[in-house]
Protein backbone atom coordinates (compact mmCIF):
# COMPACT_ATOMS: atom_id res chain seq x y z
CA MET A 1 74.73 105.21 112.33
CA SER A 2 76.13 103.01 109.57
CA GLN A 3 79.82 102.22 109.51
CA ALA A 4 81.92 104.28 107.09
CA TYR A 5 84.77 102.76 105.11
CA PHE A 6 87.83 104.20 103.38
CA LYS A 7 86.70 105.25 99.92
CA TYR A 8 88.54 104.05 96.86
CA GLY A 9 87.62 102.39 93.60
CA GLN A 10 88.65 101.23 90.17
CA LYS A 11 90.48 104.43 89.26
CA GLU A 12 92.93 104.06 92.14
CA ILE A 13 93.28 100.30 91.62
CA ASP A 14 94.00 100.69 87.90
CA TYR A 15 96.62 103.35 88.61
CA LEU A 16 98.48 101.21 91.15
CA LYS A 17 98.33 98.16 88.89
CA SER A 18 99.79 100.18 86.01
CA LYS A 19 102.67 101.40 88.19
CA ASP A 20 103.42 98.24 90.15
CA PRO A 21 102.60 94.82 88.67
CA LYS A 22 103.53 92.97 91.88
CA LEU A 23 101.19 95.11 93.95
CA GLY A 24 98.60 94.81 91.18
CA ALA A 25 98.70 91.02 91.35
CA ALA A 26 98.27 91.21 95.13
CA ILE A 27 95.28 93.54 94.72
CA ASP A 28 93.68 91.04 92.35
CA ARG A 29 94.25 88.23 94.87
CA ILE A 30 92.94 90.14 97.87
CA GLY A 31 90.06 92.04 96.29
CA LEU A 32 88.34 95.12 97.67
CA ILE A 33 89.30 95.97 101.25
CA GLU A 34 86.72 97.50 103.56
CA ARG A 35 88.66 99.41 106.22
CA SER A 36 86.53 101.32 108.69
CA VAL A 37 87.11 105.05 109.19
CA THR A 38 86.05 107.61 111.79
CA PRO A 39 85.06 110.76 109.88
CA ASP A 40 84.67 112.84 113.07
CA LEU A 41 88.22 114.15 113.55
CA PHE A 42 87.85 114.93 117.26
CA GLN A 43 86.55 111.43 117.97
CA ALA A 44 89.39 109.96 115.89
CA LEU A 45 91.97 111.84 117.99
CA ILE A 46 90.42 110.70 121.27
CA HIS A 47 90.04 107.12 120.01
CA ALA A 48 93.72 107.07 118.99
CA ILE A 49 94.84 108.17 122.44
CA VAL A 50 92.56 105.64 124.13
CA GLY A 51 94.20 102.86 122.09
CA GLN A 52 97.83 103.72 122.81
CA GLN A 53 99.84 100.83 124.29
CA ILE A 54 96.80 98.59 124.88
CA SER A 55 95.20 95.78 122.90
CA THR A 56 92.50 96.42 120.31
CA LYS A 57 90.01 94.56 122.52
CA ALA A 58 90.85 96.75 125.51
CA GLN A 59 90.53 99.85 123.33
CA GLN A 60 87.08 98.76 122.16
CA THR A 61 85.94 98.07 125.74
CA ILE A 62 87.06 101.48 127.02
CA TRP A 63 85.65 103.27 123.98
CA GLN A 64 82.24 101.63 124.39
CA ARG A 65 82.26 102.53 128.08
CA MET A 66 83.05 106.17 127.23
CA GLN A 67 80.28 106.30 124.63
CA THR A 68 77.80 104.96 127.17
CA ASN A 69 78.87 107.23 130.02
CA LEU A 70 79.35 110.42 127.97
CA VAL A 71 76.50 109.75 125.50
CA ALA A 72 78.44 111.78 122.89
CA ILE A 73 82.19 112.22 122.68
CA THR A 74 82.63 115.88 121.82
CA PRO A 75 84.91 118.70 122.99
CA THR A 76 82.03 119.96 125.16
CA THR A 77 81.25 116.67 126.89
CA ILE A 78 84.96 116.00 127.52
CA ALA A 79 85.35 119.47 129.04
CA GLU A 80 82.33 119.02 131.30
CA VAL A 81 83.35 115.68 132.80
CA THR A 82 85.94 115.54 135.59
CA GLU A 83 89.31 113.85 135.27
CA ASP A 84 88.29 111.29 137.89
CA GLU A 85 85.16 110.44 135.93
CA LEU A 86 87.20 109.94 132.76
CA GLN A 87 89.65 107.70 134.59
CA LYS A 88 86.78 105.48 135.74
CA ASN A 89 86.34 104.43 132.11
CA GLY A 90 89.69 102.66 132.32
CA LEU A 91 91.97 105.48 131.19
CA SER A 92 95.35 106.27 132.69
CA PHE A 93 95.96 109.66 134.25
CA ARG A 94 98.29 110.56 131.36
CA LYS A 95 95.70 109.70 128.71
CA VAL A 96 93.06 111.71 130.57
CA SER A 97 95.46 114.65 130.53
CA TYR A 98 96.00 114.30 126.77
CA ILE A 99 92.27 114.05 126.09
CA LYS A 100 91.43 117.03 128.29
CA ASN A 101 94.16 119.09 126.63
CA ILE A 102 92.84 118.43 123.13
CA ALA A 103 89.26 119.29 124.16
CA GLU A 104 90.47 122.50 125.78
CA LYS A 105 92.35 123.58 122.65
CA VAL A 106 89.32 122.90 120.44
CA ASN A 107 86.93 124.70 122.78
CA SER A 108 89.22 127.73 123.07
CA GLY A 109 89.68 127.96 119.31
CA GLU A 110 93.42 127.35 119.55
CA LEU A 111 92.87 124.20 117.49
CA ASN A 112 90.45 124.50 114.57
CA LEU A 113 89.90 121.00 113.26
CA ASP A 114 87.84 122.23 110.31
CA LEU A 115 90.76 124.26 108.98
CA LEU A 116 93.02 121.19 108.84
CA SER A 117 91.23 120.05 105.69
CA GLN A 118 92.71 123.07 103.89
CA LEU A 119 96.30 122.06 104.69
CA ASP A 120 98.53 119.64 102.81
CA ASP A 121 99.61 116.32 104.34
CA THR A 122 102.90 117.61 105.75
CA GLN A 123 101.20 120.61 107.35
CA VAL A 124 98.43 118.46 108.86
CA CYS A 125 100.99 116.04 110.29
CA THR A 126 102.93 118.95 111.80
CA GLU A 127 99.83 120.49 113.38
CA LEU A 128 98.50 117.23 114.81
CA SER A 129 101.93 116.28 116.15
CA LYS A 130 101.92 119.45 118.26
CA LEU A 131 99.18 117.93 120.41
CA ASP A 132 100.17 116.15 123.60
CA GLY A 133 99.97 112.40 123.01
CA ILE A 134 99.95 112.61 119.20
CA GLY A 135 103.17 111.60 117.45
CA LYS A 136 103.93 111.39 113.75
CA TRP A 137 102.66 107.81 113.31
CA THR A 138 99.37 108.58 115.10
CA ALA A 139 98.97 111.73 113.01
CA GLU A 140 99.48 109.70 109.83
CA MET A 141 96.90 107.12 110.91
CA ILE A 142 94.40 109.89 111.66
CA MET A 143 95.03 111.42 108.24
CA LEU A 144 94.31 108.05 106.68
CA PHE A 145 91.50 106.67 108.83
CA SER A 146 89.65 109.87 109.66
CA MET A 147 90.50 112.50 107.04
CA GLN A 148 90.81 109.83 104.32
CA ARG A 149 93.86 111.45 102.78
CA PRO A 150 94.71 109.39 99.67
CA ASN A 151 98.51 109.45 99.78
CA ILE A 152 99.60 108.27 103.24
CA LEU A 153 102.33 105.63 103.64
CA SER A 154 103.96 105.46 107.07
CA PHE A 155 107.63 104.56 107.47
CA GLY A 156 106.94 104.32 111.19
CA ASP A 157 104.46 101.49 110.74
CA LEU A 158 106.11 98.10 111.28
CA ALA A 159 103.34 96.23 109.47
CA ILE A 160 103.77 98.41 106.37
CA LEU A 161 107.49 97.63 106.32
CA ARG A 162 106.77 93.94 106.84
CA GLY A 163 104.26 93.97 103.96
CA MET A 164 106.86 95.57 101.70
CA ARG A 165 109.49 93.00 102.64
CA MET A 166 107.03 90.19 101.93
CA LEU A 167 105.75 91.56 98.61
CA TYR A 168 109.08 92.64 97.15
CA HIS A 169 111.36 90.04 98.84
CA HIS A 170 113.53 92.63 100.59
CA ARG A 171 115.48 91.84 103.75
CA THR A 172 115.23 95.41 104.98
CA ILE A 173 113.39 98.56 103.97
CA THR A 174 115.70 101.57 104.10
CA PRO A 175 114.32 105.13 104.04
CA LYS A 176 115.59 105.48 100.47
CA LEU A 177 113.86 102.27 99.35
CA PHE A 178 110.69 103.24 101.20
CA HIS A 179 110.63 106.62 99.44
CA LYS A 180 111.03 104.90 96.08
CA TYR A 181 107.87 102.92 96.68
CA TRP A 182 106.01 105.95 98.04
CA ARG A 183 106.82 107.83 94.82
CA ARG A 184 105.62 104.85 92.79
CA TYR A 185 102.31 104.69 94.67
CA THR A 186 101.73 108.47 94.69
CA PRO A 187 99.05 109.90 94.59
CA TYR A 188 97.32 106.78 95.97
CA ALA A 189 99.73 105.51 98.62
CA SER A 190 96.90 105.15 101.16
CA ILE A 191 95.33 102.44 99.03
CA ALA A 192 98.70 100.72 98.74
CA SER A 193 98.90 100.89 102.54
CA LEU A 194 95.63 98.96 102.87
CA TYR A 195 97.04 96.13 100.76
CA LEU A 196 100.44 96.11 102.45
CA TRP A 197 98.69 95.75 105.82
CA ALA A 198 96.64 92.88 104.44
CA ILE A 199 99.77 91.18 103.07
CA SER A 200 101.52 91.64 106.40
CA ALA A 201 98.59 89.95 108.14
CA GLY A 202 98.82 86.89 105.87
CA ALA A 203 96.28 87.64 103.14
CA ILE A 204 98.57 85.87 100.62
CA PRO A 205 99.81 82.80 102.53
CA GLU A 206 102.79 81.97 100.33
CA LEU A 207 104.42 85.36 100.92
CA LYS A 208 106.94 85.24 103.74
CA ASP A 209 108.86 87.91 105.63
CA HIS A 210 112.43 88.05 104.35
CA ALA A 211 113.82 90.10 107.24
CA PRO A 212 116.76 88.59 109.15
CA LYS A 213 115.38 86.63 112.10
CA ASN A 214 116.87 88.97 114.67
CA ILE A 215 114.82 91.97 113.44
CA LYS A 216 111.48 90.30 112.79
CA LYS A 217 108.66 91.53 115.00
């Protein structure tokens, strides 16, 4: 299966450039960003839990092991495998509990993942956050990198805040300031997020983090 990437194009780029010249200049410097997505929402939820509090490399290793051992990661296959067998993939007991709980809710019909597409962003975040092991930040990342919602900007993401400080030369990003930028980017804040992450990672070398040294991460 070919890798899927977050979909955006010239329409979204032109809009952001018209609203924010600084971000527009950064977009021109960085170019098109190919950020992989996981369209299968159940797999995205399980993958997110697998990756909690471990390195990306460790997450990839465990995920590949699960794909090999389970053949397919679905609510049915998760329900059929024992907790001990799941733990043997490198998962903690707590993560196994979270994963089993989500599969059980999907299989019982308590959680209908297909219906989430009919809800707005706030409603989706609320519903996903009800799941054991899924907090607001994880829900926002799933909305962006699985559901491909176009207007997600996470105040709980340290790299997003760092990218904003670097691009706009702020020392801190308050909730009020963050909301100002979110309104400016709306309805394409997800695309702005892609570029803020890239900036945070050093895509434009001359941009530096202006946060006081004691709060830099």
